[in-house]
Amino acid sequence: MSTPRGLTQPRPAGPVVCVDGPVWIVTEPSLARQVLIDPRIVKDPAYAPPHWDPREVGLEPTAAEHLSLTTVDGPEHVLLRRAHAPLFSARRVRAHADRITEIARELLTGLGTGTVDLVADFTSRYPLTVLLELLGVPLDRLDQATAASQLLVGGDPGQRGAAIASYLELAAAAGGAGLAAELRERLPERITDPQLHYLLFGLIFAGQVTTEAALGYLLAHALHGRIGEEDLVGQTLRQHPPAPFTLWRFTSTEVELAGVPLPARAAVLIDIAGLNAEGHDLTFGGGQHYCVGAQLALAELGAVLHVLRTEFPRARLAVPFEDLREVHLGGIQGSRLTALPVTLTG
């Protein structure tokens, strides 16, 4: 298995590198952190280069079209962030720790003994189960959530609309008990139900797709003789960040970065994988758009390691580590294992 580092080739060329598109990639750590808090560099796709086709580059709808934590900036983002952040704080996540561990144990134990493919049978269903339960979405919708996720990640681009519609159905199914209901109470009254459902879609999809990718690598390294390492979760996330680059950012006006002039509506990325490889941990981003689900992701990954250590101490890879294969989704999307054959033994 290779060790992906993202786009590291242009790093010696300077702190800001222009590549085809054009896209400006930030490769220097202090400049990266500056970009993450610069109010002139925004997330709203309304500021994307005018010649871009949103479908080709995987842009979300603009903030005016759909309210989203990942595309709204300024005071509106602060309001959304204040509503979301307490639900996923370290304290709140700790309150769910036992149940998260129980879910990991139930799913792994349910696979039985013998050789199983954890990519096919676990890495997607586990974070989805956690998210649906915490939000209050009935777990009999798990297969629907899994299918929608598969359509959005590496599926037919023509099915993207159907997948999002399926996610919105899941969000609408959330009951009165759970984080979805609590989020509804914390949001301003002017937020409509369709807007709430889109916010929940963002939480479910982002929380699943990134954790799924990290789980595959974490389990592979753990079962390759590293399960006892103290900071294996952190090491895995730094070595295999679920997103090799930040999500798209755009200049709302002319900006100069490290002496490099960028026009208005320029696309900007930060090379997370390259910076991580140099010891600068930006796995969860930074600034106002720091990943709101970071604590939940860390808890899910840590719970899986705990279950492996306590319930499956003799579990091992069913193939040599070097034979594991990855798929690189391209662009700002990350890499993930195509399969993870494992012999589960207690």
Protein backbone atom coordinates (compact mmCIF):
# COMPACT_ATOMS: atom_id res chain seq x y z
CA MET A 1 0.00 0.00 0.00
CA SER A 2 1.33 3.42 -0.92
CA THR A 3 1.49 6.45 1.35
CA PRO A 4 -0.44 9.22 -0.42
CA ARG A 5 0.82 12.73 0.21
CA GLY A 6 -1.43 14.69 -2.04
CA LEU A 7 0.03 17.17 -4.49
CA THR A 8 3.56 17.54 -3.12
CA GLN A 9 5.48 17.98 -6.36
CA PRO A 10 5.13 21.79 -6.59
CA ARG A 11 6.13 22.49 -2.98
CA PRO A 12 9.72 23.62 -3.76
CA ALA A 13 8.31 26.15 -6.23
CA GLY A 14 7.08 28.40 -3.42
CA PRO A 15 4.43 28.86 -0.74
CA VAL A 16 1.69 29.42 -3.34
CA VAL A 17 1.72 27.29 -6.47
CA CYS A 18 -0.55 27.83 -9.47
CA VAL A 19 -1.61 24.65 -11.27
CA ASP A 20 -3.96 23.92 -14.15
CA GLY A 21 -7.43 25.30 -13.71
CA PRO A 22 -6.07 27.70 -12.63
CA VAL A 23 -6.00 26.76 -8.95
CA TRP A 24 -3.67 28.25 -6.35
CA ILE A 25 -2.37 25.71 -3.85
CA VAL A 26 -0.97 26.90 -0.52
CA THR A 27 1.96 24.76 0.62
CA GLU A 28 3.49 26.74 3.50
CA PRO A 29 2.15 26.17 7.04
CA SER A 30 1.96 29.72 8.39
CA LEU A 31 0.43 30.96 5.14
CA ALA A 32 -2.06 28.08 5.23
CA ARG A 33 -3.25 29.10 8.68
CA GLN A 34 -3.48 32.71 7.50
CA VAL A 35 -5.66 31.67 4.57
CA LEU A 36 -7.95 29.69 6.87
CA ILE A 37 -8.88 32.86 8.79
CA ASP A 38 -8.71 35.44 5.98
CA PRO A 39 -12.26 36.86 5.54
CA ARG A 40 -11.46 37.74 1.91
CA ILE A 41 -11.08 34.04 1.08
CA VAL A 42 -14.53 32.50 1.32
CA LYS A 43 -16.27 29.14 0.99
CA ASP A 44 -19.36 30.26 -0.93
CA PRO A 45 -19.33 28.69 -4.43
CA ALA A 46 -21.00 31.87 -5.69
CA TYR A 47 -17.43 33.20 -5.86
CA ALA A 48 -16.10 30.28 -7.92
CA PRO A 49 -14.43 31.08 -11.26
CA PRO A 50 -17.25 32.00 -13.65
CA HIS A 51 -16.16 29.49 -16.29
CA TRP A 52 -16.38 26.51 -13.91
CA ASP A 53 -19.05 23.86 -14.30
CA PRO A 54 -20.14 23.11 -10.70
CA ARG A 55 -20.92 19.48 -11.57
CA GLU A 56 -17.49 18.82 -13.05
CA VAL A 57 -15.58 20.12 -10.03
CA GLY A 58 -18.03 18.85 -7.42
CA LEU A 59 -19.15 22.20 -6.04
CA GLU A 60 -21.95 22.41 -3.51
CA PRO A 61 -24.85 24.76 -4.24
CA THR A 62 -24.18 28.38 -3.35
CA ALA A 63 -24.98 29.65 0.14
CA ALA A 64 -27.98 31.48 -1.30
CA GLU A 65 -29.35 28.23 -2.72
CA HIS A 66 -28.74 25.98 0.30
CA LEU A 67 -27.67 26.92 3.80
CA SER A 68 -24.63 24.83 4.74
CA LEU A 69 -21.88 24.92 7.35
CA THR A 70 -19.36 24.33 4.59
CA THR A 71 -20.41 27.14 2.24
CA VAL A 72 -21.69 29.96 4.46
CA ASP A 73 -19.28 32.65 5.68
CA GLY A 74 -19.33 35.61 8.04
CA PRO A 75 -22.06 36.27 10.64
CA GLU A 76 -24.41 33.66 9.16
CA HIS A 77 -21.73 31.01 9.60
CA VAL A 78 -21.18 32.12 13.19
CA LEU A 79 -24.88 31.57 13.90
CA LEU A 80 -24.82 28.10 12.37
CA ARG A 81 -21.60 27.21 14.13
CA ARG A 82 -22.96 28.26 17.52
CA ALA A 83 -25.96 26.00 16.97
CA HIS A 84 -23.90 22.98 15.91
CA ALA A 85 -20.70 23.12 17.95
CA PRO A 86 -22.08 22.35 21.45
CA LEU A 87 -23.70 19.17 20.13
CA PHE A 88 -20.32 17.79 19.05
CA SER A 89 -18.06 19.18 21.76
CA ALA A 90 -15.56 16.92 23.51
CA ARG A 91 -17.83 16.83 26.57
CA ARG A 92 -20.93 15.84 24.62
CA VAL A 93 -19.05 13.21 22.64
CA ARG A 94 -17.67 11.69 25.85
CA ALA A 95 -21.25 11.26 27.03
CA HIS A 96 -21.86 9.03 24.00
CA ALA A 97 -18.55 7.14 24.24
CA ASP A 98 -19.94 3.93 25.75
CA ARG A 99 -22.66 3.67 23.11
CA ILE A 100 -20.20 4.36 20.29
CA THR A 101 -17.98 1.56 21.59
CA GLU A 102 -21.00 -0.74 21.90
CA ILE A 103 -21.96 -0.07 18.28
CA ALA A 104 -18.44 -0.92 17.12
CA ARG A 105 -18.51 -4.13 19.17
CA GLU A 106 -21.96 -5.16 17.93
CA LEU A 107 -21.10 -4.63 14.28
CA LEU A 108 -17.73 -6.38 14.43
CA THR A 109 -19.09 -9.29 16.47
CA GLY A 110 -22.00 -9.59 14.06
CA LEU A 111 -19.59 -10.33 11.22
CA GLY A 112 -18.74 -13.67 12.82
CA THR A 113 -15.39 -15.41 12.80
CA GLY A 114 -13.36 -16.19 9.75
CA THR A 115 -12.33 -13.89 6.92
CA VAL A 116 -14.41 -10.78 6.29
CA ASP A 117 -13.96 -7.64 4.21
CA LEU A 118 -14.15 -4.72 6.62
CA VAL A 119 -14.43 -2.19 3.79
CA ALA A 120 -17.51 -3.91 2.42
CA ASP A 121 -19.09 -4.80 5.75
CA PHE A 122 -17.94 -2.32 8.40
CA THR A 123 -16.13 0.92 7.54
CA SER A 124 -19.21 2.55 6.00
CA ARG A 125 -21.94 1.08 8.19
CA TYR A 126 -20.23 1.85 11.50
CA PRO A 127 -20.02 5.67 11.23
CA LEU A 128 -23.45 5.76 9.61
CA THR A 129 -24.94 3.76 12.48
CA VAL A 130 -23.38 6.14 14.99
CA LEU A 131 -24.59 9.23 13.15
CA LEU A 132 -28.13 7.98 12.56
CA GLU A 133 -28.55 6.94 16.18
CA LEU A 134 -27.15 10.17 17.60
CA LEU A 135 -29.30 12.30 15.31
CA GLY A 136 -32.43 10.27 16.02
CA VAL A 137 -32.88 8.76 12.55
CA PRO A 138 -34.40 5.25 12.74
CA LEU A 139 -31.75 2.58 12.23
CA ASP A 140 -33.98 0.71 9.80
CA ARG A 141 -32.87 3.44 7.37
CA LEU A 142 -29.24 2.26 7.53
CA ASP A 143 -29.32 0.44 4.19
CA GLN A 144 -30.80 3.54 2.56
CA ALA A 145 -28.01 5.67 4.03
CA THR A 146 -25.34 3.22 2.88
CA ALA A 147 -26.70 3.16 -0.67
CA ALA A 148 -26.88 6.97 -0.81
CA SER A 149 -23.29 7.23 0.38
CA GLN A 150 -22.06 4.81 -2.26
CA LEU A 151 -23.80 6.84 -4.96
CA LEU A 152 -22.14 10.07 -3.85
CA VAL A 153 -18.65 8.60 -3.48
CA GLY A 154 -17.36 7.24 -6.73
CA GLY A 155 -20.80 6.53 -8.14
CA ASP A 156 -22.47 7.70 -11.33
CA PRO A 157 -22.46 11.53 -11.32
CA GLY A 158 -25.90 11.39 -12.87
CA GLN A 159 -27.21 9.78 -9.69
CA ARG A 160 -25.94 12.55 -7.41
CA GLY A 161 -29.33 14.26 -7.24
CA ALA A 162 -31.07 11.01 -6.31
CA ALA A 163 -28.49 10.34 -3.61
CA ILE A 164 -28.93 13.78 -2.06
CA ALA A 165 -32.72 13.37 -2.18
CA SER A 166 -32.31 10.08 -0.32
CA TYR A 167 -30.19 11.79 2.33
CA LEU A 168 -32.82 14.50 2.73
CA GLU A 169 -35.43 11.79 3.31
CA LEU A 170 -33.22 10.40 6.06
CA ALA A 171 -32.92 13.82 7.65
CA ALA A 172 -36.69 14.29 7.55
CA ALA A 173 -37.11 10.94 9.33
CA ALA A 174 -35.26 12.14 12.44
CA GLY A 175 -37.50 11.86 15.48
CA GLY A 176 -38.08 14.12 18.46
CA ALA A 177 -35.29 12.61 20.55
CA GLY A 178 -31.74 13.07 19.37
CA LEU A 179 -29.31 15.68 18.19
CA ALA A 180 -31.42 16.60 15.15
CA ALA A 181 -34.24 17.77 17.41
CA GLU A 182 -31.77 19.60 19.63
CA LEU A 183 -30.23 21.31 16.62
CA ARG A 184 -33.71 22.42 15.53
CA GLU A 185 -34.16 24.11 18.92
CA ARG A 186 -30.78 25.82 18.74
CA LEU A 187 -31.19 27.23 15.24
CA PRO A 188 -32.90 30.58 14.58
CA GLU A 189 -36.66 30.28 14.12
CA ARG A 190 -36.38 31.53 10.54
CA ILE A 191 -34.58 28.32 9.52
CA THR A 192 -37.13 26.23 7.60
CA ASP A 193 -37.52 22.46 7.77
CA PRO A 194 -35.98 21.99 4.29
CA GLN A 195 -33.00 24.08 5.40
CA LEU A 196 -32.66 21.96 8.54
CA HIS A 197 -32.78 18.79 6.48
CA TYR A 198 -29.99 20.07 4.24
CA LEU A 199 -27.87 20.85 7.30
CA LEU A 200 -28.48 17.32 8.59
CA PHE A 201 -27.58 15.88 5.19
CA GLY A 202 -24.26 17.70 5.46
CA LEU A 203 -23.60 16.27 8.91
CA ILE A 204 -24.42 12.70 7.88
CA PHE A 205 -22.54 12.68 4.60
CA ALA A 206 -19.44 14.54 5.78
CA GLY A 207 -19.31 12.58 9.02
CA GLN A 208 -19.54 9.26 7.21
CA VAL A 209 -17.39 9.72 4.12
CA THR A 210 -14.34 11.05 5.96
CA THR A 211 -14.50 8.62 8.88
CA GLU A 212 -15.02 5.68 6.52
CA ALA A 213 -11.81 6.47 4.66
CA ALA A 214 -9.82 6.91 7.88
CA LEU A 215 -11.20 3.67 9.34
CA GLY A 216 -9.86 1.57 6.50
CA TYR A 217 -6.33 2.87 6.95
CA LEU A 218 -6.52 2.74 10.75
CA LEU A 219 -7.65 -0.89 10.76
CA ALA A 220 -5.03 -1.84 8.18
CA HIS A 221 -2.20 -0.33 10.23
CA ALA A 222 -3.56 -1.71 13.50
CA LEU A 223 -3.74 -5.26 12.16
CA HIS A 224 -0.30 -4.91 10.62
CA GLY A 225 1.29 -5.13 14.05
CA ARG A 226 0.74 -1.55 15.20
CA ILE A 227 -2.37 -1.99 17.34
CA GLY A 228 -0.48 -1.24 20.56
CA GLU A 229 0.88 2.13 19.42
CA GLU A 230 -0.37 4.92 21.67
CA ASP A 231 -1.13 7.56 19.03
CA LEU A 232 -2.11 5.31 16.16
CA VAL A 233 -5.28 7.30 15.44
CA GLY A 234 -3.38 10.57 15.17
CA GLN A 235 -0.59 9.02 13.13
CA THR A 236 -3.05 7.47 10.71
CA LEU A 237 -4.96 10.71 10.21
CA ARG A 238 -1.75 12.62 9.56
CA GLN A 239 -0.44 10.01 7.13
CA HIS A 240 -3.77 9.41 5.38
CA PRO A 241 -5.91 12.53 5.81
CA PRO A 242 -9.44 11.81 4.55
CA ALA A 243 -9.22 15.01 2.50
CA PRO A 244 -5.80 15.70 0.93
CA PHE A 245 -6.81 19.31 0.38
CA THR A 246 -9.22 21.68 2.06
CA LEU A 247 -12.59 22.12 0.46
CA TRP A 248 -12.69 24.81 -2.19
CA ARG A 249 -12.10 28.39 -1.14
CA PHE A 250 -12.41 31.46 -3.37
CA THR A 251 -11.11 35.00 -3.28
CA SER A 252 -13.94 37.50 -2.91
CA THR A 253 -11.63 40.29 -4.08
CA GLU A 254 -8.06 40.65 -5.34
CA VAL A 255 -5.70 39.13 -2.77
CA GLU A 256 -1.93 38.91 -2.44
CA LEU A 257 -0.50 35.79 -0.78
CA ALA A 258 3.23 35.68 -0.07
CA GLY A 259 3.79 38.21 -2.82
CA VAL A 260 1.67 36.30 -5.32
CA PRO A 261 -1.29 38.31 -6.69
CA LEU A 262 -4.56 36.40 -7.00
CA PRO A 263 -7.49 37.84 -8.91
CA ALA A 264 -11.00 37.96 -7.53
CA ARG A 265 -12.86 34.65 -7.87
CA ALA A 266 -9.63 32.64 -7.81
CA ALA A 267 -9.84 29.06 -6.51
CA VAL A 268 -7.61 28.33 -3.51
CA LEU A 269 -6.70 25.02 -1.88
CA ILE A 270 -4.44 24.13 1.04
CA ASP A 271 -2.23 21.08 0.66
CA ILE A 272 -3.26 19.24 3.83
CA ALA A 273 -1.55 15.97 2.91
CA GLY A 274 1.75 17.65 2.09
CA LEU A 275 1.72 19.80 5.22
CA ASN A 276 0.78 16.83 7.39
CA ALA A 277 3.70 14.88 5.98
CA GLU A 278 5.99 17.66 7.19
CA GLY A 279 4.58 17.54 10.72
CA HIS A 280 1.97 20.32 10.48
CA ASP A 281 -1.33 18.73 11.45
CA LEU A 282 -4.17 20.28 9.45
CA THR A 283 -6.31 17.15 9.12
CA PHE A 284 -9.40 18.90 10.49
CA GLY A 285 -8.70 22.29 8.94
CA GLY A 286 -8.67 25.46 11.02
CA GLY A 287 -10.31 28.79 11.67
CA GLN A 288 -14.08 29.23 11.66
CA HIS A 289 -14.49 26.22 9.40
CA TYR A 290 -12.57 23.79 11.64
CA CYS A 291 -14.34 20.44 11.35
CA VAL A 292 -17.32 20.54 13.70
CA GLY A 293 -17.33 16.73 13.93
CA ALA A 294 -13.64 16.28 14.77
CA GLN A 295 -14.26 15.04 18.32
CA LEU A 296 -16.87 12.55 17.13
CA ALA A 297 -14.54 11.19 14.45
CA LEU A 298 -11.71 10.75 16.97
CA ALA A 299 -14.08 8.99 19.36
CA GLU A 300 -15.29 6.59 16.66
CA LEU A 301 -11.75 5.72 15.59
CA GLY A 302 -10.57 5.27 19.16
CA ALA A 303 -13.56 3.05 19.99
CA VAL A 304 -12.74 0.67 17.14
CA LEU A 305 -9.16 0.28 18.35
CA HIS A 306 -10.43 -0.43 21.87
CA VAL A 307 -12.79 -3.13 20.61
CA LEU A 308 -10.06 -4.76 18.53
CA ARG A 309 -7.67 -4.81 21.47
CA THR A 310 -10.18 -6.21 23.94
CA GLU A 311 -12.51 -8.40 21.85
CA PHE A 312 -10.34 -9.49 18.91
CA PRO A 313 -6.75 -9.65 20.20
CA ARG A 314 -5.77 -12.25 17.59
CA ALA A 315 -7.38 -10.54 14.60
CA ARG A 316 -5.03 -10.18 11.65
CA LEU A 317 -4.91 -9.15 8.01
CA ALA A 318 -5.90 -11.97 5.67
CA VAL A 319 -3.54 -10.68 2.96
CA PRO A 320 -0.08 -9.12 3.15
CA PHE A 321 -0.18 -5.42 4.02
CA GLU A 322 1.66 -4.66 0.79
CA ASP A 323 -1.16 -6.24 -1.24
CA LEU A 324 -3.83 -3.84 0.01
CA ARG A 325 -5.03 -1.58 -2.77
CA GLU A 326 -6.27 2.00 -2.77
CA VAL A 327 -8.53 4.00 -5.02
CA HIS A 328 -7.61 7.64 -5.54
CA LEU A 329 -10.79 9.58 -6.23
CA GLY A 330 -8.92 12.56 -7.64
CA GLY A 331 -9.28 16.30 -7.23
CA ILE A 332 -9.93 17.41 -3.67
CA GLN A 333 -11.26 13.97 -2.75
CA GLY A 334 -9.03 11.59 -0.87
CA SER A 335 -7.99 7.99 -1.13
CA ARG A 336 -9.46 4.89 0.44
CA LEU A 337 -8.86 1.17 0.50
CA THR A 338 -10.76 -0.90 -2.03
CA ALA A 339 -10.94 -3.92 0.29
CA LEU A 340 -9.67 -4.97 3.71
CA PRO A 341 -9.73 -8.76 4.14
CA VAL A 342 -9.34 -9.56 7.83
CA THR A 343 -9.50 -12.72 9.91
CA LEU A 344 -11.48 -11.85 13.03
CA THR A 345 -10.46 -14.04 15.94
CA GLY A 346 -11.21 -13.49 19.60
